[in-house]
Amino acid sequence: MPKPRPASDAKQSRGPADRILLEIRKFIAGSIFFNARTAESIGLGLTDMQMIHVLQLYGPSTPSSLATRTGLSSGGVTVALDRLERAGYIRREPNPADRRSLLVTLVQDRIRKLEALYKDVESDARRALATLSRADLEATLRFFDALSAVGADPGTQARRPKP
């Protein structure tokens, strides 16, 4: 197995695509640790926090769709939902489209308090984005569309085969 090169070496010897992939990895690592610290500060685990994010992004969902989106087993989803329900962040409600299933919904009062923990980082990100031209912003959106098309989007990543 080749020895990983330090990030500084990678920036000097690789092309733009390699540098972008390196920056994505750094961004993801930082985001994961930020989410872990935030979750810990309110007594949740990282999986619990990510489940909240998935519900914010995709709206009310069945447990089976949460399993598909997260890559968790049905048992893993149930355990995470049990923790979130006890903590007051979600409710399980009858699914009006299928009486055999449930819909998981967020408790908005709790979520508003949680969103306050992300306010500063979101403001910083908006300030950074405001420095970019419209063309740069549109190129960034095309970039994320391209990544989503190959399965790098977290909503599609869970469906990729495991090695």
N, C-alpha and C. Protein backbone atom coordinates (compact mmCIF):
# COMPACT_ATOMS: atom_id res chain seq x y z
N MET A 1 0.85 -1.18 0.00
CA MET A 1 0.00 0.00 0.00
C MET A 1 0.90 1.24 0.00
N PRO A 2 0.65 2.21 -0.90
CA PRO A 2 1.51 3.39 -0.95
C PRO A 2 1.34 4.25 0.30
N LYS A 3 2.42 4.86 0.69
CA LYS A 3 2.42 5.74 1.85
C LYS A 3 1.72 7.05 1.48
N PRO A 4 0.75 7.52 2.31
CA PRO A 4 0.09 8.79 2.00
C PRO A 4 1.07 9.95 2.06
N ARG A 5 0.90 10.87 1.13
CA ARG A 5 1.75 12.06 1.13
C ARG A 5 1.10 13.16 1.94
N PRO A 6 1.91 13.98 2.58
CA PRO A 6 1.33 15.12 3.31
C PRO A 6 0.56 16.02 2.35
N ALA A 7 -0.47 16.69 2.88
CA ALA A 7 -1.31 17.56 2.06
C ALA A 7 -0.49 18.62 1.32
N SER A 8 0.56 19.13 1.96
CA SER A 8 1.37 20.17 1.31
C SER A 8 2.03 19.63 0.04
N ASP A 9 2.50 18.37 0.07
CA ASP A 9 3.08 17.76 -1.12
C ASP A 9 2.03 17.57 -2.20
N ALA A 10 0.83 17.16 -1.79
CA ALA A 10 -0.24 16.91 -2.76
C ALA A 10 -0.61 18.18 -3.49
N LYS A 11 -0.64 19.30 -2.81
CA LYS A 11 -0.99 20.56 -3.45
C LYS A 11 0.02 20.96 -4.50
N GLN A 12 1.29 20.66 -4.27
CA GLN A 12 2.33 21.07 -5.20
C GLN A 12 2.43 20.16 -6.42
N SER A 13 2.09 18.87 -6.27
CA SER A 13 2.38 17.95 -7.35
C SER A 13 1.16 17.44 -8.09
N ARG A 14 -0.03 17.85 -7.73
CA ARG A 14 -1.22 17.33 -8.36
C ARG A 14 -1.98 18.43 -9.09
N GLY A 15 -2.88 17.98 -9.96
CA GLY A 15 -3.70 18.91 -10.72
C GLY A 15 -4.90 19.40 -9.93
N PRO A 16 -5.70 20.27 -10.55
CA PRO A 16 -6.86 20.85 -9.86
C PRO A 16 -7.85 19.82 -9.33
N ALA A 17 -8.15 18.76 -10.10
CA ALA A 17 -9.12 17.76 -9.63
C ALA A 17 -8.61 17.08 -8.36
N ASP A 18 -7.33 16.75 -8.33
CA ASP A 18 -6.77 16.12 -7.13
C ASP A 18 -6.81 17.07 -5.94
N ARG A 19 -6.53 18.33 -6.20
CA ARG A 19 -6.58 19.32 -5.11
C ARG A 19 -8.01 19.49 -4.60
N ILE A 20 -8.99 19.47 -5.51
CA ILE A 20 -10.39 19.59 -5.10
C ILE A 20 -10.77 18.41 -4.23
N LEU A 21 -10.40 17.21 -4.64
CA LEU A 21 -10.71 16.02 -3.84
C LEU A 21 -10.06 16.10 -2.46
N LEU A 22 -8.85 16.61 -2.39
CA LEU A 22 -8.18 16.79 -1.11
C LEU A 22 -8.95 17.79 -0.24
N GLU A 23 -9.37 18.89 -0.83
CA GLU A 23 -10.11 19.91 -0.07
C GLU A 23 -11.47 19.36 0.39
N ILE A 24 -12.10 18.53 -0.43
CA ILE A 24 -13.36 17.91 -0.02
C ILE A 24 -13.13 17.06 1.22
N ARG A 25 -12.08 16.26 1.20
CA ARG A 25 -11.77 15.40 2.35
C ARG A 25 -11.53 16.24 3.61
N LYS A 26 -10.80 17.35 3.46
CA LYS A 26 -10.55 18.21 4.62
C LYS A 26 -11.84 18.83 5.13
N PHE A 27 -12.70 19.27 4.20
CA PHE A 27 -13.97 19.87 4.58
C PHE A 27 -14.85 18.85 5.30
N ILE A 28 -14.93 17.64 4.75
CA ILE A 28 -15.75 16.60 5.38
C ILE A 28 -15.23 16.27 6.77
N ALA A 29 -13.92 16.12 6.91
CA ALA A 29 -13.34 15.81 8.22
C ALA A 29 -13.67 16.90 9.23
N GLY A 30 -13.50 18.15 8.83
CA GLY A 30 -13.82 19.26 9.73
C GLY A 30 -15.30 19.29 10.09
N SER A 31 -16.15 19.02 9.10
CA SER A 31 -17.60 19.02 9.34
C SER A 31 -18.00 17.91 10.30
N ILE A 32 -17.40 16.75 10.12
CA ILE A 32 -17.73 15.63 11.01
C ILE A 32 -17.35 15.96 12.45
N PHE A 33 -16.15 16.51 12.63
CA PHE A 33 -15.74 16.84 13.99
C PHE A 33 -16.58 17.97 14.58
N PHE A 34 -16.96 18.96 13.76
CA PHE A 34 -17.84 20.02 14.24
C PHE A 34 -19.18 19.43 14.67
N ASN A 35 -19.75 18.54 13.84
CA ASN A 35 -21.02 17.91 14.19
C ASN A 35 -20.90 17.05 15.43
N ALA A 36 -19.79 16.36 15.58
CA ALA A 36 -19.59 15.52 16.77
C ALA A 36 -19.54 16.38 18.03
N ARG A 37 -18.80 17.50 17.97
CA ARG A 37 -18.73 18.39 19.14
C ARG A 37 -20.10 18.99 19.45
N THR A 38 -20.83 19.38 18.41
CA THR A 38 -22.16 19.96 18.60
C THR A 38 -23.09 18.93 19.22
N ALA A 39 -23.08 17.72 18.67
CA ALA A 39 -23.93 16.65 19.20
C ALA A 39 -23.60 16.39 20.67
N GLU A 40 -22.32 16.29 20.97
CA GLU A 40 -21.90 16.03 22.34
C GLU A 40 -22.36 17.14 23.29
N SER A 41 -22.33 18.37 22.81
CA SER A 41 -22.70 19.50 23.67
C SER A 41 -24.17 19.47 24.09
N ILE A 42 -25.01 18.74 23.33
CA ILE A 42 -26.43 18.65 23.70
C ILE A 42 -26.83 17.24 24.11
N GLY A 43 -25.83 16.38 24.33
CA GLY A 43 -26.10 15.05 24.83
C GLY A 43 -26.54 14.03 23.78
N LEU A 44 -26.23 14.30 22.51
CA LEU A 44 -26.56 13.36 21.44
C LEU A 44 -25.28 12.75 20.90
N GLY A 45 -25.43 11.67 20.16
CA GLY A 45 -24.31 11.08 19.45
C GLY A 45 -24.25 11.60 18.02
N LEU A 46 -23.15 11.35 17.35
CA LEU A 46 -22.98 11.81 15.97
C LEU A 46 -24.04 11.21 15.05
N THR A 47 -24.36 9.93 15.21
CA THR A 47 -25.39 9.31 14.37
C THR A 47 -26.72 9.99 14.58
N ASP A 48 -27.04 10.33 15.82
CA ASP A 48 -28.30 11.01 16.12
C ASP A 48 -28.35 12.37 15.40
N MET A 49 -27.24 13.10 15.48
CA MET A 49 -27.20 14.41 14.84
C MET A 49 -27.34 14.29 13.33
N GLN A 50 -26.68 13.29 12.75
CA GLN A 50 -26.78 13.11 11.30
C GLN A 50 -28.20 12.70 10.91
N MET A 51 -28.87 11.93 11.74
CA MET A 51 -30.26 11.57 11.46
C MET A 51 -31.14 12.82 11.44
N ILE A 52 -30.89 13.74 12.37
CA ILE A 52 -31.63 15.01 12.36
C ILE A 52 -31.37 15.75 11.06
N HIS A 53 -30.10 15.81 10.63
CA HIS A 53 -29.78 16.50 9.38
C HIS A 53 -30.50 15.87 8.20
N VAL A 54 -30.53 14.54 8.15
CA VAL A 54 -31.23 13.86 7.04
C VAL A 54 -32.71 14.22 7.05
N LEU A 55 -33.32 14.25 8.23
CA LEU A 55 -34.73 14.63 8.31
C LEU A 55 -34.95 16.08 7.92
N GLN A 56 -33.99 16.96 8.24
CA GLN A 56 -34.11 18.35 7.82
C GLN A 56 -34.00 18.46 6.30
N LEU A 57 -33.11 17.69 5.71
CA LEU A 57 -32.88 17.77 4.27
C LEU A 57 -34.00 17.15 3.44
N TYR A 58 -34.54 16.02 3.91
CA TYR A 58 -35.50 15.27 3.10
C TYR A 58 -36.93 15.33 3.63
N GLY A 59 -37.13 15.90 4.80
CA GLY A 59 -38.47 16.01 5.34
C GLY A 59 -38.91 14.73 6.03
N PRO A 60 -40.19 14.72 6.48
CA PRO A 60 -40.70 13.53 7.15
C PRO A 60 -40.43 12.28 6.32
N SER A 61 -39.98 11.24 7.00
CA SER A 61 -39.53 10.03 6.31
C SER A 61 -39.96 8.79 7.07
N THR A 62 -40.10 7.71 6.34
CA THR A 62 -40.34 6.42 6.99
C THR A 62 -39.01 5.89 7.51
N PRO A 63 -39.06 5.03 8.51
CA PRO A 63 -37.81 4.42 8.98
C PRO A 63 -37.06 3.68 7.86
N SER A 64 -37.78 3.03 6.96
CA SER A 64 -37.08 2.32 5.88
C SER A 64 -36.39 3.28 4.92
N SER A 65 -36.99 4.44 4.64
CA SER A 65 -36.30 5.41 3.78
C SER A 65 -35.10 6.01 4.50
N LEU A 66 -35.18 6.16 5.82
CA LEU A 66 -34.02 6.63 6.58
C LEU A 66 -32.90 5.60 6.53
N ALA A 67 -33.25 4.34 6.59
CA ALA A 67 -32.22 3.29 6.48
C ALA A 67 -31.54 3.36 5.11
N THR A 68 -32.32 3.56 4.06
CA THR A 68 -31.76 3.66 2.71
C THR A 68 -30.85 4.87 2.59
N ARG A 69 -31.30 6.01 3.12
CA ARG A 69 -30.51 7.24 2.98
C ARG A 69 -29.25 7.25 3.84
N THR A 70 -29.29 6.56 4.96
CA THR A 70 -28.14 6.62 5.88
C THR A 70 -27.21 5.43 5.75
N GLY A 71 -27.71 4.34 5.21
CA GLY A 71 -26.91 3.12 5.15
C GLY A 71 -26.94 2.34 6.45
N LEU A 72 -27.74 2.79 7.41
CA LEU A 72 -27.87 2.07 8.69
C LEU A 72 -28.82 0.89 8.50
N SER A 73 -28.64 -0.13 9.31
CA SER A 73 -29.58 -1.24 9.32
C SER A 73 -30.91 -0.75 9.89
N SER A 74 -31.97 -1.54 9.68
CA SER A 74 -33.26 -1.14 10.25
C SER A 74 -33.17 -1.09 11.78
N GLY A 75 -32.41 -2.00 12.37
CA GLY A 75 -32.21 -1.96 13.82
C GLY A 75 -31.45 -0.73 14.26
N GLY A 76 -30.43 -0.34 13.48
CA GLY A 76 -29.67 0.87 13.80
C GLY A 76 -30.53 2.12 13.72
N VAL A 77 -31.40 2.17 12.72
CA VAL A 77 -32.32 3.31 12.59
C VAL A 77 -33.26 3.34 13.79
N THR A 78 -33.79 2.20 14.16
CA THR A 78 -34.72 2.14 15.30
C THR A 78 -34.05 2.63 16.58
N VAL A 79 -32.83 2.20 16.83
CA VAL A 79 -32.11 2.61 18.04
C VAL A 79 -31.88 4.14 18.02
N ALA A 80 -31.46 4.67 16.87
CA ALA A 80 -31.23 6.12 16.77
C ALA A 80 -32.55 6.87 16.97
N LEU A 81 -33.62 6.40 16.35
CA LEU A 81 -34.92 7.07 16.51
C LEU A 81 -35.41 6.99 17.94
N ASP A 82 -35.18 5.87 18.60
CA ASP A 82 -35.56 5.77 20.02
C ASP A 82 -34.86 6.84 20.84
N ARG A 83 -33.56 7.02 20.59
CA ARG A 83 -32.79 8.05 21.35
C ARG A 83 -33.32 9.44 21.04
N LEU A 84 -33.58 9.72 19.76
CA LEU A 84 -34.07 11.04 19.37
C LEU A 84 -35.47 11.31 19.91
N GLU A 85 -36.29 10.29 19.96
CA GLU A 85 -37.64 10.46 20.50
C GLU A 85 -37.57 10.74 22.00
N ARG A 86 -36.74 9.98 22.72
CA ARG A 86 -36.58 10.23 24.17
C ARG A 86 -36.06 11.64 24.44
N ALA A 87 -35.17 12.13 23.56
CA ALA A 87 -34.59 13.47 23.74
C ALA A 87 -35.54 14.57 23.26
N GLY A 88 -36.65 14.20 22.64
CA GLY A 88 -37.65 15.18 22.22
C GLY A 88 -37.42 15.81 20.86
N TYR A 89 -36.56 15.22 20.02
CA TYR A 89 -36.26 15.82 18.71
C TYR A 89 -37.15 15.30 17.58
N ILE A 90 -37.74 14.13 17.75
CA ILE A 90 -38.61 13.57 16.70
C ILE A 90 -39.89 13.02 17.30
N ARG A 91 -40.86 12.81 16.39
CA ARG A 91 -42.09 12.10 16.72
C ARG A 91 -42.31 11.05 15.64
N ARG A 92 -42.82 9.93 16.04
CA ARG A 92 -43.26 8.90 15.10
C ARG A 92 -44.78 9.04 14.99
N GLU A 93 -45.25 9.20 13.76
CA GLU A 93 -46.67 9.42 13.54
C GLU A 93 -47.17 8.43 12.49
N PRO A 94 -48.46 8.13 12.49
CA PRO A 94 -48.99 7.27 11.44
C PRO A 94 -48.73 7.88 10.06
N ASN A 95 -48.41 7.04 9.11
CA ASN A 95 -48.16 7.48 7.74
C ASN A 95 -49.49 7.55 7.00
N PRO A 96 -49.95 8.74 6.61
CA PRO A 96 -51.25 8.84 5.94
C PRO A 96 -51.27 8.12 4.57
N ALA A 97 -50.10 7.91 3.99
CA ALA A 97 -50.03 7.25 2.68
C ALA A 97 -49.98 5.72 2.81
N ASP A 98 -49.68 5.22 4.01
CA ASP A 98 -49.54 3.77 4.20
C ASP A 98 -49.77 3.46 5.67
N ARG A 99 -50.94 2.96 5.99
CA ARG A 99 -51.27 2.77 7.40
C ARG A 99 -50.42 1.71 8.09
N ARG A 100 -49.63 0.94 7.31
CA ARG A 100 -48.75 -0.07 7.90
C ARG A 100 -47.42 0.53 8.36
N SER A 101 -47.15 1.79 7.99
CA SER A 101 -45.85 2.37 8.34
C SER A 101 -46.02 3.66 9.13
N LEU A 102 -44.89 4.16 9.57
CA LEU A 102 -44.84 5.40 10.35
C LEU A 102 -44.07 6.45 9.58
N LEU A 103 -44.34 7.70 9.90
CA LEU A 103 -43.52 8.81 9.43
C LEU A 103 -42.79 9.38 10.62
N VAL A 104 -41.53 9.65 10.43
CA VAL A 104 -40.71 10.29 11.46
C VAL A 104 -40.68 11.77 11.11
N THR A 105 -41.08 12.60 12.07
CA THR A 105 -41.08 14.05 11.86
C THR A 105 -40.27 14.72 12.97
N LEU A 106 -39.71 15.85 12.63
CA LEU A 106 -38.94 16.63 13.60
C LEU A 106 -39.87 17.46 14.47
N VAL A 107 -39.49 17.65 15.71
CA VAL A 107 -40.21 18.53 16.64
C VAL A 107 -39.59 19.92 16.46
N GLN A 108 -40.33 20.79 15.80
CA GLN A 108 -39.77 22.07 15.36
C GLN A 108 -39.25 22.95 16.50
N ASP A 109 -39.89 22.97 17.65
CA ASP A 109 -39.40 23.78 18.77
C ASP A 109 -37.99 23.35 19.17
N ARG A 110 -37.76 22.04 19.23
CA ARG A 110 -36.43 21.52 19.58
C ARG A 110 -35.43 21.82 18.48
N ILE A 111 -35.86 21.72 17.24
CA ILE A 111 -34.95 21.93 16.11
C ILE A 111 -34.53 23.40 16.04
N ARG A 112 -35.43 24.32 16.32
CA ARG A 112 -35.05 25.75 16.31
C ARG A 112 -33.93 26.02 17.31
N LYS A 113 -34.00 25.40 18.47
CA LYS A 113 -32.93 25.57 19.46
C LYS A 113 -31.62 24.96 18.95
N LEU A 114 -31.72 23.84 18.29
CA LEU A 114 -30.55 23.18 17.73
C LEU A 114 -29.93 24.01 16.61
N GLU A 115 -30.77 24.60 15.77
CA GLU A 115 -30.27 25.41 14.65
C GLU A 115 -29.43 26.59 15.13
N ALA A 116 -29.72 27.08 16.33
CA ALA A 116 -28.94 28.19 16.87
C ALA A 116 -27.47 27.81 17.03
N LEU A 117 -27.19 26.52 17.25
CA LEU A 117 -25.80 26.07 17.39
C LEU A 117 -25.04 26.13 16.07
N TYR A 118 -25.77 26.16 14.96
CA TYR A 118 -25.16 26.20 13.63
C TYR A 118 -25.18 27.60 13.01
N LYS A 119 -25.79 28.55 13.71
CA LYS A 119 -25.98 29.89 13.16
C LYS A 119 -24.66 30.56 12.75
N ASP A 120 -23.66 30.51 13.61
CA ASP A 120 -22.40 31.18 13.31
C ASP A 120 -21.69 30.57 12.11
N VAL A 121 -21.63 29.26 12.05
CA VAL A 121 -20.94 28.62 10.93
C VAL A 121 -21.70 28.88 9.62
N GLU A 122 -23.03 28.92 9.68
CA GLU A 122 -23.81 29.23 8.48
C GLU A 122 -23.56 30.68 8.05
N SER A 123 -23.50 31.59 9.00
CA SER A 123 -23.22 33.00 8.67
C SER A 123 -21.84 33.14 8.04
N ASP A 124 -20.85 32.44 8.59
CA ASP A 124 -19.50 32.48 8.03
C ASP A 124 -19.50 31.94 6.60
N ALA A 125 -20.23 30.86 6.37
CA ALA A 125 -20.29 30.27 5.03
C ALA A 125 -20.98 31.23 4.05
N ARG A 126 -22.04 31.88 4.48
CA ARG A 126 -22.72 32.84 3.61
C ARG A 126 -21.81 34.02 3.27
N ARG A 127 -21.02 34.48 4.25
CA ARG A 127 -20.07 35.57 3.98
C ARG A 127 -19.03 35.13 2.95
N ALA A 128 -18.53 33.91 3.09
CA ALA A 128 -17.54 33.40 2.13
C ALA A 128 -18.16 33.27 0.74
N LEU A 129 -19.38 32.77 0.66
CA LEU A 129 -20.05 32.63 -0.63
C LEU A 129 -20.33 33.99 -1.28
N ALA A 130 -20.57 35.00 -0.45
CA ALA A 130 -20.84 36.34 -0.98
C ALA A 130 -19.63 36.94 -1.69
N THR A 131 -18.45 36.39 -1.46
CA THR A 131 -17.25 36.89 -2.13
C THR A 131 -17.08 36.32 -3.54
N LEU A 132 -17.90 35.32 -3.88
CA LEU A 132 -17.78 34.66 -5.18
C LEU A 132 -18.73 35.30 -6.19
N SER A 133 -18.33 35.25 -7.44
CA SER A 133 -19.19 35.76 -8.50
C SER A 133 -20.35 34.80 -8.74
N ARG A 134 -21.36 35.29 -9.41
CA ARG A 134 -22.49 34.42 -9.77
C ARG A 134 -22.01 33.23 -10.61
N ALA A 135 -21.07 33.48 -11.52
CA ALA A 135 -20.54 32.40 -12.36
C ALA A 135 -19.83 31.35 -11.51
N ASP A 136 -19.08 31.80 -10.50
CA ASP A 136 -18.42 30.85 -9.60
C ASP A 136 -19.43 30.04 -8.80
N LEU A 137 -20.48 30.70 -8.34
CA LEU A 137 -21.52 30.00 -7.58
C LEU A 137 -22.22 28.97 -8.46
N GLU A 138 -22.51 29.35 -9.70
CA GLU A 138 -23.15 28.40 -10.62
C GLU A 138 -22.23 27.23 -10.94
N ALA A 139 -20.92 27.50 -11.07
CA ALA A 139 -19.96 26.42 -11.30
C ALA A 139 -19.92 25.48 -10.09
N THR A 140 -20.03 26.05 -8.90
CA THR A 140 -20.04 25.24 -7.69
C THR A 140 -21.27 24.34 -7.66
N LEU A 141 -22.42 24.88 -8.05
CA LEU A 141 -23.63 24.07 -8.11
C LEU A 141 -23.49 22.95 -9.14
N ARG A 142 -22.90 23.24 -10.29
CA ARG A 142 -22.67 22.19 -11.29
C ARG A 142 -21.74 21.11 -10.73
N PHE A 143 -20.74 21.53 -9.96
CA PHE A 143 -19.81 20.61 -9.33
C PHE A 143 -20.56 19.64 -8.41
N PHE A 144 -21.43 20.19 -7.54
CA PHE A 144 -22.18 19.33 -6.63
C PHE A 144 -23.16 18.43 -7.38
N ASP A 145 -23.75 18.95 -8.45
CA ASP A 145 -24.63 18.12 -9.28
C ASP A 145 -23.83 16.95 -9.88
N ALA A 146 -22.62 17.22 -10.34
CA ALA A 146 -21.78 16.17 -10.92
C ALA A 146 -21.42 15.13 -9.86
N LEU A 147 -21.08 15.57 -8.65
CA LEU A 147 -20.77 14.62 -7.59
C LEU A 147 -21.99 13.79 -7.22
N SER A 148 -23.15 14.40 -7.15
CA SER A 148 -24.37 13.67 -6.83
C SER A 148 -24.67 12.60 -7.88
N ALA A 149 -24.37 12.92 -9.13
CA ALA A 149 -24.64 11.98 -10.22
C ALA A 149 -23.79 10.71 -10.11
N VAL A 150 -22.63 10.80 -9.47
CA VAL A 150 -21.77 9.62 -9.34
C VAL A 150 -21.89 8.97 -7.97
N GLY A 151 -22.83 9.45 -7.17
CA GLY A 151 -23.07 8.80 -5.89
C GLY A 151 -22.32 9.39 -4.72
N ALA A 152 -21.75 10.58 -4.85
CA ALA A 152 -21.04 11.18 -3.73
C ALA A 152 -21.98 11.93 -2.79
N ASP A 153 -23.24 12.11 -3.20
CA ASP A 153 -24.22 12.75 -2.35
C ASP A 153 -24.58 11.79 -1.22
N PRO A 154 -24.63 12.28 0.04
CA PRO A 154 -24.94 11.38 1.14
C PRO A 154 -26.26 10.63 0.96
N GLY A 155 -27.21 11.23 0.26
CA GLY A 155 -28.48 10.56 0.02
C GLY A 155 -28.35 9.37 -0.92
N THR A 156 -27.31 9.37 -1.75
CA THR A 156 -27.09 8.24 -2.66
C THR A 156 -25.94 7.38 -2.21
N GLN A 157 -25.07 7.90 -1.41
CA GLN A 157 -23.88 7.17 -0.95
C GLN A 157 -24.26 5.89 -0.22
N ALA A 158 -25.29 5.95 0.57
CA ALA A 158 -25.68 4.79 1.36
C ALA A 158 -26.07 3.61 0.47
N ARG A 159 -26.48 3.88 -0.76
CA ARG A 159 -26.90 2.81 -1.66
C ARG A 159 -25.73 2.18 -2.40
N ARG A 160 -24.55 2.76 -2.27
CA ARG A 160 -23.38 2.20 -2.97
C ARG A 160 -22.95 0.92 -2.28
N PRO A 161 -22.43 -0.04 -3.05
CA PRO A 161 -22.00 -1.29 -2.42
C PRO A 161 -20.84 -1.06 -1.47
N LYS A 162 -20.84 -1.86 -0.42
CA LYS A 162 -19.74 -1.78 0.55
C LYS A 162 -18.61 -2.67 0.08
N PRO A 163 -17.35 -2.23 0.29
CA PRO A 163 -16.21 -3.04 -0.17
C PRO A 163 -16.08 -4.35 0.59
